[in-house]
């Protein structure tokens, strides 16, 4: 049996966040919607004390490499469609 684990790491900029409370409100909304829509694990993993920068990690597991890739590409498009953020970079790893 094959098991594939994939990780999408996304560096974000939240230009309208004036404080950590603003940033966390945007991220909480985004992460909850991602988790509910795609059934993935997602968390903020870096830049925790910066009010305009964030790094989020999204993980998923499947029995096919194509499926984990499809899920992460859909998640990536979903993140990029969020008008309150700008994606600075993203990295995909499949194990």
PDB file of N, CA and C in Angstrom:
ATOM      1  N   UNK A   1       0.853  -1.175   0.000  1.00  0.00           N
ATOM      2  CA  UNK A   1       0.000   0.000   0.000  1.00  0.00           C
ATOM      3  C   UNK A   1       0.899   1.238   0.000  1.00  0.00           C
ATOM      4  N   UNK A   2       0.589   2.191  -0.872  1.00  0.00           N
ATOM      5  CA  UNK A   2       1.338   3.443  -0.946  1.00  0.00           C
ATOM      6  C   UNK A   2       0.611   4.536  -0.181  1.00  0.00           C
ATOM      7  N   UNK A   3       1.396   5.363   0.504  1.00  0.00           N
ATOM      8  CA  UNK A   3       0.845   6.509   1.215  1.00  0.00           C
ATOM      9  C   UNK A   3       1.679   7.722   0.831  1.00  0.00           C
ATOM     10  N   UNK A   4       1.011   8.776   0.410  1.00  0.00           N
ATOM     11  CA  UNK A   4       1.693  10.007   0.030  1.00  0.00           C
ATOM     12  C   UNK A   4       1.249  11.131   0.957  1.00  0.00           C
ATOM     13  N   UNK A   5       2.230  11.828   1.511  1.00  0.00           N
ATOM     14  CA  UNK A   5       1.989  12.974   2.371  1.00  0.00           C
ATOM     15  C   UNK A   5       2.495  14.199   1.614  1.00  0.00           C
ATOM     16  N   UNK A   6       1.700  15.236   1.575  1.00  0.00           N
ATOM     17  CA  UNK A   6       2.129  16.439   0.864  1.00  0.00           C
ATOM     18  C   UNK A   6       2.016  17.651   1.774  1.00  0.00           C
ATOM     19  N   UNK A   7       2.905  18.609   1.516  1.00  0.00           N
ATOM     20  CA  UNK A   7       2.966  19.818   2.317  1.00  0.00           C
ATOM     21  C   UNK A   7       3.089  21.022   1.395  1.00  0.00           C
ATOM     22  N   UNK A   8       2.203  21.980   1.582  1.00  0.00           N
ATOM     23  CA  UNK A   8       2.246  23.250   0.866  1.00  0.00           C
ATOM     24  C   UNK A   8       2.593  24.320   1.890  1.00  0.00           C
ATOM     25  N   UNK A   9       3.721  24.984   1.700  1.00  0.00           N
ATOM     26  CA  UNK A   9       4.134  26.072   2.580  1.00  0.00           C
ATOM     27  C   UNK A   9       3.967  27.369   1.807  1.00  0.00           C
ATOM     28  N   UNK A  10       3.205  28.308   2.375  1.00  0.00           N
ATOM     29  CA  UNK A  10       2.870  29.543   1.678  1.00  0.00           C
ATOM     30  C   UNK A  10       3.261  30.750   2.521  1.00  0.00           C
ATOM     31  N   UNK A  11       4.076  31.614   1.945  1.00  0.00           N
ATOM     32  CA  UNK A  11       4.461  32.880   2.574  1.00  0.00           C
ATOM     33  C   UNK A  11       3.461  33.935   2.122  1.00  0.00           C
ATOM     34  N   UNK A  12       2.864  34.634   3.078  1.00  0.00           N
ATOM     35  CA  UNK A  12       1.809  35.594   2.782  1.00  0.00           C
ATOM     36  C   UNK A  12       2.160  36.991   3.277  1.00  0.00           C
ATOM     37  N   UNK A  13       1.574  37.968   2.627  1.00  0.00           N
ATOM     38  CA  UNK A  13       1.611  39.346   3.091  1.00  0.00           C
ATOM     39  C   UNK A  13       0.156  39.782   3.267  1.00  0.00           C
ATOM     40  N   UNK A  14      -0.118  40.431   4.387  1.00  0.00           N
ATOM     41  CA  UNK A  14      -1.467  40.926   4.671  1.00  0.00           C
ATOM     42  C   UNK A  14      -1.350  42.444   4.815  1.00  0.00           C
ATOM     43  N   UNK A  15      -1.389  43.174   3.685  1.00  0.00           N
ATOM     44  CA  UNK A  15      -1.047  44.601   3.696  1.00  0.00           C
ATOM     45  C   UNK A  15      -1.966  45.481   4.536  1.00  0.00           C
ATOM     46  N   UNK A  16      -3.202  45.121   4.704  1.00  0.00           N
ATOM     47  CA  UNK A  16      -4.136  45.974   5.441  1.00  0.00           C
ATOM     48  C   UNK A  16      -4.163  45.700   6.948  1.00  0.00           C
ATOM     49  N   UNK A  17      -3.373  44.737   7.406  1.00  0.00           N
ATOM     50  CA  UNK A  17      -3.347  44.424   8.838  1.00  0.00           C
ATOM     51  C   UNK A  17      -2.528  45.478   9.573  1.00  0.00           C
ATOM     52  N   UNK A  18      -3.175  46.208  10.453  1.00  0.00           N
ATOM     53  CA  UNK A  18      -2.504  47.252  11.228  1.00  0.00           C
ATOM     54  C   UNK A  18      -1.953  46.726  12.549  1.00  0.00           C
ATOM     55  N   UNK A  19      -2.419  45.540  12.957  1.00  0.00           N
ATOM     56  CA  UNK A  19      -1.966  44.956  14.219  1.00  0.00           C
ATOM     57  C   UNK A  19      -2.126  43.437  14.138  1.00  0.00           C
ATOM     58  N   UNK A  20      -1.626  42.748  15.150  1.00  0.00           N
ATOM     59  CA  UNK A  20      -1.733  41.286  15.160  1.00  0.00           C
ATOM     60  C   UNK A  20      -3.180  40.812  15.172  1.00  0.00           C
ATOM     61  N   UNK A  21      -4.053  41.568  15.823  1.00  0.00           N
ATOM     62  CA  UNK A  21      -5.472  41.195  15.865  1.00  0.00           C
ATOM     63  C   UNK A  21      -6.064  41.183  14.451  1.00  0.00           C
ATOM     64  N   UNK A  22      -5.726  42.170  13.633  1.00  0.00           N
ATOM     65  CA  UNK A  22      -6.207  42.215  12.244  1.00  0.00           C
ATOM     66  C   UNK A  22      -5.693  41.016  11.458  1.00  0.00           C
ATOM     67  N   UNK A  23      -4.400  40.741  11.609  1.00  0.00           N
ATOM     68  CA  UNK A  23      -3.788  39.612  10.903  1.00  0.00           C
ATOM     69  C   UNK A  23      -4.456  38.301  11.294  1.00  0.00           C
ATOM     70  N   UNK A  24      -4.625  38.094  12.577  1.00  0.00           N
ATOM     71  CA  UNK A  24      -5.184  36.822  13.052  1.00  0.00           C
ATOM     72  C   UNK A  24      -6.643  36.650  12.633  1.00  0.00           C
ATOM     73  N   UNK A  25      -7.372  37.745  12.517  1.00  0.00           N
ATOM     74  CA  UNK A  25      -8.751  37.667  12.045  1.00  0.00           C
ATOM     75  C   UNK A  25      -8.782  37.173  10.600  1.00  0.00           C
ATOM     76  N   UNK A  26      -7.922  37.726   9.758  1.00  0.00           N
ATOM     77  CA  UNK A  26      -7.847  37.298   8.357  1.00  0.00           C
ATOM     78  C   UNK A  26      -7.416  35.841   8.276  1.00  0.00           C
ATOM     79  N   UNK A  27      -6.359  35.486   9.003  1.00  0.00           N
ATOM     80  CA  UNK A  27      -5.854  34.111   8.954  1.00  0.00           C
ATOM     81  C   UNK A  27      -6.846  33.097   9.508  1.00  0.00           C
ATOM     82  N   UNK A  28      -7.484  33.424  10.617  1.00  0.00           N
ATOM     83  CA  UNK A  28      -8.457  32.493  11.216  1.00  0.00           C
ATOM     84  C   UNK A  28      -9.569  32.173  10.208  1.00  0.00           C
ATOM     85  N   UNK A  29     -10.065  33.203   9.546  1.00  0.00           N
ATOM     86  CA  UNK A  29     -11.113  33.009   8.542  1.00  0.00           C
ATOM     87  C   UNK A  29     -10.617  32.136   7.393  1.00  0.00           C
ATOM     88  N   UNK A  30      -9.432  32.463   6.875  1.00  0.00           N
ATOM     89  CA  UNK A  30      -8.874  31.723   5.748  1.00  0.00           C
ATOM     90  C   UNK A  30      -8.603  30.265   6.119  1.00  0.00           C
ATOM     91  N   UNK A  31      -7.953  30.037   7.257  1.00  0.00           N
ATOM     92  CA  UNK A  31      -7.589  28.672   7.648  1.00  0.00           C
ATOM     93  C   UNK A  31      -8.810  27.810   7.934  1.00  0.00           C
ATOM     94  N   UNK A  32      -9.826  28.383   8.536  1.00  0.00           N
ATOM     95  CA  UNK A  32     -11.057  27.631   8.810  1.00  0.00           C
ATOM     96  C   UNK A  32     -11.745  27.235   7.511  1.00  0.00           C
ATOM     97  N   UNK A  33     -11.841  28.182   6.577  1.00  0.00           N
ATOM     98  CA  UNK A  33     -12.482  27.869   5.291  1.00  0.00           C
ATOM     99  C   UNK A  33     -11.695  26.817   4.519  1.00  0.00           C
ATOM    100  N   UNK A  34     -10.360  26.897   4.560  1.00  0.00           N
ATOM    101  CA  UNK A  34      -9.525  25.902   3.878  1.00  0.00           C
ATOM    102  C   UNK A  34      -9.739  24.512   4.472  1.00  0.00           C
ATOM    103  N   UNK A  35      -9.715  24.437   5.782  1.00  0.00           N
ATOM    104  CA  UNK A  35      -9.887  23.154   6.457  1.00  0.00           C
ATOM    105  C   UNK A  35     -11.251  22.539   6.149  1.00  0.00           C
ATOM    106  N   UNK A  36     -12.287  23.357   6.192  1.00  0.00           N
ATOM    107  CA  UNK A  36     -13.640  22.856   5.932  1.00  0.00           C
ATOM    108  C   UNK A  36     -13.850  22.457   4.475  1.00  0.00           C
ATOM    109  N   UNK A  37     -13.345  23.253   3.560  1.00  0.00           N
ATOM    110  CA  UNK A  37     -13.583  23.005   2.128  1.00  0.00           C
ATOM    111  C   UNK A  37     -12.761  21.834   1.587  1.00  0.00           C
ATOM    112  N   UNK A  38     -11.479  21.750   1.999  1.00  0.00           N
ATOM    113  CA  UNK A  38     -10.574  20.769   1.398  1.00  0.00           C
ATOM    114  C   UNK A  38     -10.227  19.595   2.324  1.00  0.00           C
ATOM    115  N   UNK A  39     -10.665  19.646   3.579  1.00  0.00           N
ATOM    116  CA  UNK A  39     -10.371  18.583   4.555  1.00  0.00           C
ATOM    117  C   UNK A  39      -8.862  18.369   4.675  1.00  0.00           C
ATOM    118  N   UNK A  40      -8.131  19.477   4.851  1.00  0.00           N
ATOM    119  CA  UNK A  40      -6.689  19.442   5.017  1.00  0.00           C
ATOM    120  C   UNK A  40      -6.333  19.950   6.407  1.00  0.00           C
ATOM    121  N   UNK A  41      -5.126  19.636   6.841  1.00  0.00           N
ATOM    122  CA  UNK A  41      -4.601  20.200   8.085  1.00  0.00           C
ATOM    123  C   UNK A  41      -3.859  21.477   7.709  1.00  0.00           C
ATOM    124  N   UNK A  42      -4.114  22.546   8.437  1.00  0.00           N
ATOM    125  CA  UNK A  42      -3.488  23.825   8.105  1.00  0.00           C
ATOM    126  C   UNK A  42      -3.195  24.606   9.385  1.00  0.00           C
ATOM    127  N   UNK A  43      -2.034  25.300   9.389  1.00  0.00           N
ATOM    128  CA  UNK A  43      -1.645  26.070  10.574  1.00  0.00           C
ATOM    129  C   UNK A  43      -0.686  27.182  10.179  1.00  0.00           C
ATOM    130  N   UNK A  44      -0.695  28.243  10.972  1.00  0.00           N
ATOM    131  CA  UNK A  44       0.311  29.292  10.826  1.00  0.00           C
ATOM    132  C   UNK A  44       1.583  28.767  11.481  1.00  0.00           C
ATOM    133  N   UNK A  45       2.715  28.828  10.770  1.00  0.00           N
ATOM    134  CA  UNK A  45       3.936  28.204  11.276  1.00  0.00           C
ATOM    135  C   UNK A  45       5.124  29.159  11.435  1.00  0.00           C
ATOM    136  N   UNK A  46       5.023  30.382  10.920  1.00  0.00           N
ATOM    137  CA  UNK A  46       6.138  31.314  11.048  1.00  0.00           C
ATOM    138  C   UNK A  46       5.622  32.747  10.988  1.00  0.00           C
ATOM    139  N   UNK A  47       6.470  33.685  11.379  1.00  0.00           N
ATOM    140  CA  UNK A  47       6.135  35.113  11.427  1.00  0.00           C
ATOM    141  C   UNK A  47       4.963  35.371  12.380  1.00  0.00           C
ATOM    142  N   UNK A  48       4.944  34.658  13.475  1.00  0.00           N
ATOM    143  CA  UNK A  48       3.814  34.724  14.401  1.00  0.00           C
ATOM    144  C   UNK A  48       3.622  36.103  15.027  1.00  0.00           C
ATOM    145  N   UNK A  49       4.688  36.863  15.187  1.00  0.00           N
ATOM    146  CA  UNK A  49       4.577  38.171  15.823  1.00  0.00           C
ATOM    147  C   UNK A  49       4.684  39.336  14.846  1.00  0.00           C
ATOM    148  N   UNK A  50       4.644  39.058  13.575  1.00  0.00           N
ATOM    149  CA  UNK A  50       4.648  40.106  12.557  1.00  0.00           C
ATOM    150  C   UNK A  50       3.207  40.379  12.145  1.00  0.00           C
ATOM    151  N   UNK A  51       2.813  41.631  12.107  1.00  0.00           N
ATOM    152  CA  UNK A  51       1.403  41.911  11.829  1.00  0.00           C
ATOM    153  C   UNK A  51       1.043  41.911  10.349  1.00  0.00           C
ATOM    154  N   UNK A  52       2.023  41.895   9.436  1.00  0.00           N
ATOM    155  CA  UNK A  52       1.681  41.853   8.015  1.00  0.00           C
ATOM    156  C   UNK A  52       2.253  40.645   7.287  1.00  0.00           C
ATOM    157  N   UNK A  53       3.072  39.847   7.941  1.00  0.00           N
ATOM    158  CA  UNK A  53       3.662  38.660   7.324  1.00  0.00           C
ATOM    159  C   UNK A  53       3.096  37.410   7.998  1.00  0.00           C
ATOM    160  N   UNK A  54       2.971  36.344   7.206  1.00  0.00           N
ATOM    161  CA  UNK A  54       2.530  35.064   7.755  1.00  0.00           C
ATOM    162  C   UNK A  54       3.087  33.946   6.884  1.00  0.00           C
ATOM    163  N   UNK A  55       3.262  32.808   7.490  1.00  0.00           N
ATOM    164  CA  UNK A  55       3.630  31.604   6.756  1.00  0.00           C
ATOM    165  C   UNK A  55       2.679  30.513   7.231  1.00  0.00           C
ATOM    166  N   UNK A  56       1.979  29.908   6.284  1.00  0.00           N
ATOM    167  CA  UNK A  56       1.053  28.834   6.647  1.00  0.00           C
ATOM    168  C   UNK A  56       1.496  27.532   5.983  1.00  0.00           C
ATOM    169  N   UNK A  57       1.251  26.438   6.663  1.00  0.00           N
ATOM    170  CA  UNK A  57       1.554  25.110   6.145  1.00  0.00           C
ATOM    171  C   UNK A  57       0.249  24.339   6.022  1.00  0.00           C
ATOM    172  N   UNK A  58       0.083  23.696   4.879  1.00  0.00           N
ATOM    173  CA  UNK A  58      -1.103  22.899   4.594  1.00  0.00           C
ATOM    174  C   UNK A  58      -0.649  21.479   4.279  1.00  0.00           C
ATOM    175  N   UNK A  59      -1.224  20.489   4.943  1.00  0.00           N
ATOM    176  CA  UNK A  59      -0.826  19.095   4.739  1.00  0.00           C
ATOM    177  C   UNK A  59      -2.037  18.246   4.379  1.00  0.00           C
ATOM    178  N   UNK A  60      -1.781  17.246   3.540  1.00  0.00           N
ATOM    179  CA  UNK A  60      -2.817  16.284   3.185  1.00  0.00           C
ATOM    180  C   UNK A  60      -2.170  14.928   2.926  1.00  0.00           C
ATOM    181  N   UNK A  61      -2.985  13.889   2.995  1.00  0.00           N
ATOM    182  CA  UNK A  61      -2.516  12.515   2.817  1.00  0.00           C
ATOM    183  C   UNK A  61      -3.467  11.806   1.856  1.00  0.00           C
ATOM    184  N   UNK A  62      -2.898  10.960   0.983  1.00  0.00           N
ATOM    185  CA  UNK A  62      -3.721  10.177   0.062  1.00  0.00           C
ATOM    186  C   UNK A  62      -2.943   8.937  -0.352  1.00  0.00           C
ATOM    187  N   UNK A  63      -3.624   8.058  -1.062  1.00  0.00           N
ATOM    188  CA  UNK A  63      -2.954   6.849  -1.545  1.00  0.00           C
ATOM    189  C   UNK A  63      -2.386   7.028  -2.951  1.00  0.00           C
ATOM    190  N   UNK A  64      -2.591   8.212  -3.575  1.00  0.00           N
ATOM    191  CA  UNK A  64      -1.984   8.481  -4.876  1.00  0.00           C
ATOM    192  C   UNK A  64      -1.294   9.843  -4.875  1.00  0.00           C
ATOM    193  N   UNK A  65      -0.182   9.894  -5.563  1.00  0.00           N
ATOM    194  CA  UNK A  65       0.572  11.139  -5.681  1.00  0.00           C
ATOM    195  C   UNK A  65      -0.240  12.183  -6.436  1.00  0.00           C
ATOM    196  N   UNK A  66      -0.961  11.764  -7.450  1.00  0.00           N
ATOM    197  CA  UNK A  66      -1.773  12.694  -8.245  1.00  0.00           C
ATOM    198  C   UNK A  66      -2.857  13.356  -7.395  1.00  0.00           C
ATOM    199  N   UNK A  67      -3.448  12.603  -6.489  1.00  0.00           N
ATOM    200  CA  UNK A  67      -4.517  13.151  -5.647  1.00  0.00           C
ATOM    201  C   UNK A  67      -3.988  14.213  -4.692  1.00  0.00           C
ATOM    202  N   UNK A  68      -2.858  13.953  -4.031  1.00  0.00           N
ATOM    203  CA  UNK A  68      -2.327  14.965  -3.114  1.00  0.00           C
ATOM    204  C   UNK A  68      -1.907  16.214  -3.881  1.00  0.00           C
ATOM    205  N   UNK A  69      -1.363  16.028  -5.074  1.00  0.00           N
ATOM    206  CA  UNK A  69      -0.982  17.185  -5.896  1.00  0.00           C
ATOM    207  C   UNK A  69      -2.214  17.991  -6.301  1.00  0.00           C
ATOM    208  N   UNK A  70      -3.282  17.311  -6.700  1.00  0.00           N
ATOM    209  CA  UNK A  70      -4.534  17.981  -7.088  1.00  0.00           C
ATOM    210  C   UNK A  70      -5.112  18.795  -5.931  1.00  0.00           C
ATOM    211  N   UNK A  71      -5.108  18.209  -4.756  1.00  0.00           N
ATOM    212  CA  UNK A  71      -5.651  18.892  -3.583  1.00  0.00           C
ATOM    213  C   UNK A  71      -4.846  20.155  -3.282  1.00  0.00           C
ATOM    214  N   UNK A  72      -3.517  20.027  -3.282  1.00  0.00           N
ATOM    215  CA  UNK A  72      -2.694  21.193  -2.951  1.00  0.00           C
ATOM    216  C   UNK A  72      -2.787  22.283  -4.017  1.00  0.00           C
ATOM    217  N   UNK A  73      -2.950  21.921  -5.263  1.00  0.00           N
ATOM    218  CA  UNK A  73      -3.108  22.947  -6.297  1.00  0.00           C
ATOM    219  C   UNK A  73      -4.444  23.682  -6.120  1.00  0.00           C
ATOM    220  N   UNK A  74      -5.474  22.963  -5.733  1.00  0.00           N
ATOM    221  CA  UNK A  74      -6.767  23.606  -5.461  1.00  0.00           C
ATOM    222  C   UNK A  74      -6.666  24.527  -4.248  1.00  0.00           C
ATOM    223  N   UNK A  75      -5.952  24.086  -3.224  1.00  0.00           N
ATOM    224  CA  UNK A  75      -5.735  24.914  -2.031  1.00  0.00           C
ATOM    225  C   UNK A  75      -4.957  26.170  -2.409  1.00  0.00           C
ATOM    226  N   UNK A  76      -3.935  26.020  -3.224  1.00  0.00           N
ATOM    227  CA  UNK A  76      -3.131  27.160  -3.665  1.00  0.00           C
ATOM    228  C   UNK A  76      -3.988  28.192  -4.398  1.00  0.00           C
ATOM    229  N   UNK A  77      -4.837  27.741  -5.291  1.00  0.00           N
ATOM    230  CA  UNK A  77      -5.732  28.658  -6.013  1.00  0.00           C
ATOM    231  C   UNK A  77      -6.698  29.345  -5.058  1.00  0.00           C
ATOM    232  N   UNK A  78      -7.176  28.616  -4.072  1.00  0.00           N
ATOM    233  CA  UNK A  78      -8.082  29.174  -3.074  1.00  0.00           C
ATOM    234  C   UNK A  78      -7.393  30.289  -2.282  1.00  0.00           C
ATOM    235  N   UNK A  79      -6.153  30.052  -1.867  1.00  0.00           N
ATOM    236  CA  UNK A  79      -5.394  31.058  -1.122  1.00  0.00           C
ATOM    237  C   UNK A  79      -5.170  32.295  -1.991  1.00  0.00           C
ATOM    238  N   UNK A  80      -4.774  32.083  -3.221  1.00  0.00           N
ATOM    239  CA  UNK A  80      -4.484  33.203  -4.114  1.00  0.00           C
ATOM    240  C   UNK A  80      -5.729  34.022  -4.442  1.00  0.00           C
ATOM    241  N   UNK A  81      -6.889  33.440  -4.318  1.00  0.00           N
ATOM    242  CA  UNK A  81      -8.138  34.154  -4.604  1.00  0.00           C
ATOM    243  C   UNK A  81      -8.590  35.026  -3.430  1.00  0.00           C
ATOM    244  N   UNK A  82      -7.958  34.878  -2.275  1.00  0.00           N
ATOM    245  CA  UNK A  82      -8.326  35.680  -1.090  1.00  0.00           C
ATOM    246  C   UNK A  82      -7.873  37.127  -1.318  1.00  0.00           C
ATOM    247  N   UNK A  83      -8.815  38.073  -1.382  1.00  0.00           N
ATOM    248  CA  UNK A  83      -8.447  39.456  -1.728  1.00  0.00           C
ATOM    249  C   UNK A  83      -7.677  40.206  -0.642  1.00  0.00           C
ATOM    250  N   UNK A  84      -7.707  39.741   0.591  1.00  0.00           N
ATOM    251  CA  UNK A  84      -7.043  40.455   1.684  1.00  0.00           C
ATOM    252  C   UNK A  84      -5.571  40.103   1.839  1.00  0.00           C
ATOM    253  N   UNK A  85      -5.087  39.140   1.038  1.00  0.00           N
ATOM    254  CA  UNK A  85      -3.694  38.719   1.162  1.00  0.00           C
ATOM    255  C   UNK A  85      -2.992  38.737  -0.192  1.00  0.00           C
ATOM    256  N   UNK A  86      -1.661  38.739  -0.115  1.00  0.00           N
ATOM    257  CA  UNK A  86      -0.811  38.599  -1.294  1.00  0.00           C
ATOM    258  C   UNK A  86       0.112  37.419  -1.037  1.00  0.00           C
ATOM    259  N   UNK A  87       0.174  36.490  -1.976  1.00  0.00           N
ATOM    260  CA  UNK A  87       1.070  35.341  -1.843  1.00  0.00           C
ATOM    261  C   UNK A  87       2.455  35.776  -2.324  1.00  0.00           C
ATOM    262  N   UNK A  88       3.449  35.628  -1.446  1.00  0.00           N
ATOM    263  CA  UNK A  88       4.815  35.995  -1.803  1.00  0.00           C
ATOM    264  C   UNK A  88       5.561  34.817  -2.394  1.00  0.00           C
ATOM    265  N   UNK A  89       5.341  33.627  -1.846  1.00  0.00           N
ATOM    266  CA  UNK A  89       5.979  32.421  -2.370  1.00  0.00           C
ATOM    267  C   UNK A  89       5.268  31.199  -1.835  1.00  0.00           C
ATOM    268  N   UNK A  90       5.475  30.080  -2.523  1.00  0.00           N
ATOM    269  CA  UNK A  90       4.931  28.814  -2.023  1.00  0.00           C
ATOM    270  C   UNK A  90       5.834  27.672  -2.445  1.00  0.00           C
ATOM    271  N   UNK A  91       5.837  26.634  -1.615  1.00  0.00           N
ATOM    272  CA  UNK A  91       6.663  25.471  -1.848  1.00  0.00           C
ATOM    273  C   UNK A  91       5.799  24.232  -1.650  1.00  0.00           C
ATOM    274  N   UNK A  92       5.923  23.277  -2.556  1.00  0.00           N
ATOM    275  CA  UNK A  92       5.192  22.013  -2.446  1.00  0.00           C
ATOM    276  C   UNK A  92       6.192  20.878  -2.251  1.00  0.00           C
ATOM    277  N   UNK A  93       5.915  20.029  -1.257  1.00  0.00           N
ATOM    278  CA  UNK A  93       6.724  18.831  -1.019  1.00  0.00           C
ATOM    279  C   UNK A  93       5.784  17.640  -0.965  1.00  0.00           C
ATOM    280  N   UNK A  94       6.162  16.576  -1.668  1.00  0.00           N
ATOM    281  CA  UNK A  94       5.394  15.328  -1.622  1.00  0.00           C
ATOM    282  C   UNK A  94       6.339  14.225  -1.197  1.00  0.00           C
ATOM    283  N   UNK A  95       5.954  13.534  -0.124  1.00  0.00           N
ATOM    284  CA  UNK A  95       6.804  12.455   0.427  1.00  0.00           C
ATOM    285  C   UNK A  95       6.133  11.122   0.188  1.00  0.00           C
TER     286      UNK A  95
END
